[in-house]
Amino acid sequence: MDGPVCLEYQVEGDDFLAAGEASNNIKETLKMLGVPSGICRRAAVVTYEVEMNLVIHAGGGILKASISPERLVIQAEDQGPGIPDVSLAIQEGFSTAPDHIREMGFGAGMGLPNIKRNSDEFGIETEVGRGTTVRSVIVFPQEPDRVTESQ
């Protein structure tokens, strides 16, 4: 891979039929690029969780992935309601999902904790009434330089 591979998806709010397509496409791209399976799994968790947050909470948004030889940067941007208390939102089990979302099996309050747990770098920028940007970086393990010895 010479330069970064950049992927961008428009994710629609409340579109549960298409939910997961962007994250699956990103995972398949990583596999095609030969990214190790453990990294692909972490990336799949992060991208699925940010995609579902866009679908459930934000009314949709943009999911971006930038893949370089060193890292994967995942960013979700929305113009949704924002997060009033980030420290509360990243606690396992905390959810603002309404009952009809929970009845579908979503909204268990594990989205942001799962994103944070599977990221090497994690950040949230949010403003109530203006939207949220979630950024995750997964660093790829580098193979040690091979040293050749002449005898």
Protein backbone atom coordinates (compact mmCIF):
# COMPACT_ATOMS: atom_id res chain seq x y z
CA MET A 1 0.00 0.00 0.00
CA ASP A 2 1.62 3.24 -1.15
CA GLY A 3 -0.66 5.85 0.40
CA PRO A 4 -3.57 5.67 2.78
CA VAL A 5 -6.80 4.01 1.73
CA CYS A 6 -9.68 6.33 2.63
CA LEU A 7 -13.25 5.11 2.91
CA GLU A 8 -16.30 7.23 3.67
CA TYR A 9 -19.91 6.19 4.25
CA GLN A 10 -23.09 8.17 4.75
CA VAL A 11 -24.99 6.37 7.52
CA GLU A 12 -28.72 7.05 7.76
CA GLY A 13 -30.46 7.40 11.11
CA ASP A 14 -32.98 4.69 12.06
CA ASP A 15 -32.01 2.57 9.00
CA PHE A 16 -31.61 -0.77 10.74
CA LEU A 17 -31.72 -2.70 7.45
CA ALA A 18 -28.50 -1.06 6.25
CA ALA A 19 -26.91 -0.86 9.71
CA GLY A 20 -23.60 -2.71 9.74
CA GLU A 21 -22.89 -2.42 6.00
CA ALA A 22 -20.23 0.26 6.37
CA SER A 23 -18.45 -1.56 9.19
CA ASN A 24 -18.55 -4.82 7.23
CA ASN A 25 -17.09 -3.10 4.15
CA ILE A 26 -14.27 -1.63 6.24
CA LYS A 27 -13.52 -5.03 7.79
CA GLU A 28 -13.44 -6.70 4.35
CA THR A 29 -11.11 -3.99 3.03
CA LEU A 30 -8.74 -4.56 5.94
CA LYS A 31 -8.74 -8.30 5.23
CA MET A 32 -8.00 -7.69 1.54
CA LEU A 33 -5.07 -5.47 2.55
CA GLY A 34 -3.66 -8.29 4.66
CA VAL A 35 -4.23 -6.70 8.06
CA PRO A 36 -3.88 -9.31 10.84
CA SER A 37 -7.14 -10.92 12.00
CA GLY A 38 -6.85 -9.59 15.56
CA ILE A 39 -6.68 -6.04 14.24
CA CYS A 40 -9.60 -6.74 11.87
CA ARG A 41 -11.67 -7.96 14.81
CA ARG A 42 -10.92 -4.84 16.89
CA ALA A 43 -11.68 -2.63 13.89
CA ALA A 44 -14.96 -4.48 13.29
CA VAL A 45 -16.05 -3.84 16.88
CA VAL A 46 -15.14 -0.14 16.72
CA THR A 47 -16.72 0.51 13.32
CA TYR A 48 -19.91 -1.41 14.14
CA GLU A 49 -20.38 0.42 17.45
CA VAL A 50 -19.83 3.89 15.95
CA GLU A 51 -22.11 3.02 13.03
CA MET A 52 -24.87 1.86 15.38
CA ASN A 53 -24.49 5.04 17.45
CA LEU A 54 -25.05 7.05 14.26
CA VAL A 55 -28.14 4.95 13.44
CA ILE A 56 -29.65 4.91 16.94
CA HIS A 57 -28.71 8.18 18.61
CA ALA A 58 -27.53 10.75 16.08
CA GLY A 59 -30.03 10.66 13.24
CA GLY A 60 -27.21 9.52 10.93
CA GLY A 61 -23.84 10.90 10.01
CA ILE A 62 -20.56 10.18 8.28
CA LEU A 63 -18.30 7.21 9.05
CA LYS A 64 -14.74 7.55 7.78
CA ALA A 65 -11.81 5.14 7.81
CA SER A 66 -8.25 5.94 6.83
CA ILE A 67 -5.97 2.92 6.50
CA SER A 68 -2.20 3.42 6.29
CA PRO A 69 0.62 0.91 6.77
CA GLU A 70 0.94 2.08 10.39
CA ARG A 71 -2.63 2.51 11.58
CA LEU A 72 -6.35 2.66 11.06
CA VAL A 73 -8.14 5.88 11.94
CA ILE A 74 -11.91 5.63 12.34
CA GLN A 75 -13.98 8.76 12.70
CA ALA A 76 -17.75 9.17 13.05
CA GLU A 77 -19.22 12.65 12.69
CA ASP A 78 -22.83 13.65 13.28
CA GLN A 79 -25.02 16.66 13.82
CA GLY A 80 -27.16 14.91 16.39
CA PRO A 81 -28.12 15.94 19.90
CA GLY A 82 -24.61 15.71 21.35
CA ILE A 83 -23.61 13.96 24.56
CA PRO A 84 -24.42 15.91 27.75
CA ASP A 85 -22.06 13.91 30.01
CA VAL A 86 -19.24 12.05 28.26
CA SER A 87 -17.86 10.53 31.47
CA LEU A 88 -21.28 8.98 32.13
CA ALA A 89 -21.74 7.90 28.50
CA ILE A 90 -18.51 5.86 28.48
CA GLN A 91 -19.56 3.87 31.56
CA GLU A 92 -20.56 0.28 30.79
CA GLY A 93 -24.32 -0.16 30.94
CA PHE A 94 -25.25 3.51 30.63
CA SER A 95 -27.64 4.07 27.74
CA THR A 96 -30.02 6.72 26.50
CA ALA A 97 -31.61 4.35 23.98
CA PRO A 98 -35.41 4.41 24.08
CA ASP A 99 -37.42 1.29 24.89
CA HIS A 100 -38.26 0.46 21.25
CA ILE A 101 -34.52 0.32 20.46
CA ARG A 102 -33.84 -1.92 23.47
CA GLU A 103 -36.68 -4.21 22.39
CA MET A 104 -34.78 -4.73 19.12
CA GLY A 105 -31.73 -5.87 21.12
CA PHE A 106 -29.71 -2.65 20.90
CA GLY A 107 -28.93 0.05 23.45
CA ALA A 108 -27.26 -2.01 26.15
CA GLY A 109 -24.83 0.78 26.94
CA MET A 110 -21.73 -0.99 25.65
CA GLY A 111 -21.09 1.03 22.46
CA LEU A 112 -18.67 3.71 23.68
CA PRO A 113 -16.99 1.38 26.23
CA ASN A 114 -16.39 -1.18 23.46
CA ILE A 115 -14.98 1.51 21.16
CA LYS A 116 -12.64 2.76 23.88
CA ARG A 117 -11.53 -0.78 24.86
CA ASN A 118 -10.65 -1.70 21.26
CA SER A 119 -8.83 1.55 20.45
CA ASP A 120 -5.20 2.46 21.00
CA GLU A 121 -6.28 6.12 20.95
CA PHE A 122 -9.84 7.28 21.63
CA GLY A 123 -11.48 10.67 21.74
CA ILE A 124 -14.89 12.32 21.75
CA GLU A 125 -15.66 15.91 20.83
CA THR A 126 -19.26 16.83 21.47
CA GLU A 127 -21.50 19.81 21.94
CA VAL A 128 -25.09 19.48 23.07
CA GLY A 129 -27.41 20.50 20.26
CA ARG A 130 -24.62 20.54 17.66
CA GLY A 131 -23.27 17.00 17.32
CA THR A 132 -20.48 14.61 18.14
CA THR A 133 -17.26 13.36 16.62
CA VAL A 134 -15.84 10.07 17.84
CA ARG A 135 -12.27 9.21 16.82
CA SER A 136 -10.55 5.88 17.26
CA VAL A 137 -7.03 4.90 16.24
CA ILE A 138 -5.83 1.32 16.03
CA VAL A 139 -2.07 1.02 15.60
CA PHE A 140 -0.81 -1.86 13.49
CA PRO A 141 2.00 -3.96 14.94
CA GLN A 142 5.20 -3.39 13.00
CA GLU A 143 7.44 -6.25 12.06
CA PRO A 144 10.90 -5.82 13.52
CA ASP A 145 13.55 -4.82 11.05
CA ARG A 146 15.29 -7.86 9.73
CA VAL A 147 19.00 -7.78 10.34
CA THR A 148 21.14 -9.86 8.07
CA GLU A 149 24.44 -11.04 9.34
CA SER A 150 27.29 -11.73 6.99
CA GLN A 151 29.56 -14.54 8.01
